[in-house]
């Protein structure tokens, strides 16, 4: 990934944060959207909300495919995601992106390295953020979101470094001069989460604008 591409991602993400504030002011409920989207059977959306103009967030990544299984899982935990997002000021789509990449929405997931639950918390991270049961969805989402919030502040909102640190640890990011560490897993992880995040943005925007679902979300 070139420096030009990295700067563009950071710029677009910062614009996206401003867009999120606008969405929040509109009163749109993420929980309501996810529960409704998870039960759609056709390719179009007839949305009951009507806004004065179209929402048009910036794009910072190519979207990943979201399956109906993943959508149902996110819908199930949407209230917890929305609660944690509001509490720690982290966009819901970013939390969803991490969940989808880390566990696919499976609360019982465990990695070979010992990471646990929806947001794949390592034992030390869970303890650090007060998570007593990493397999409890509420505790896991709150702990993972709190960690994301802490990383966003530490790396001044640089979303690539935040995700790299979430995967490889903040010490590794700093070790390599505040750059994505040359670790194969981390190099793949960052764009993967961004792709899922972009997919969630596209899906929710299509719903809010009463538009046809994007191609990567037509299974939802």
Foldseek 3Di string as FASTA:
>chain_A
DDPVLLVLLLVLVVQQLVLVVVVVVVVDQQLVLLVVLLPDDFQFADAPDDDPDARDRGANAAAAFQASQLSVLCNVCSVLLVVLCVVLVNDSLLLSLQQCLPPSSQLQDADPQGFGGRNRHHPVLLVVQVNPDCSPVNSVSNSLSNLLSVLCVVLVNSQLLSQLCSVVNNVQCVVVPNDRHPDVVSVVRSNSSSNSSSLVVQQSSSNNNRHGRPPSYRND
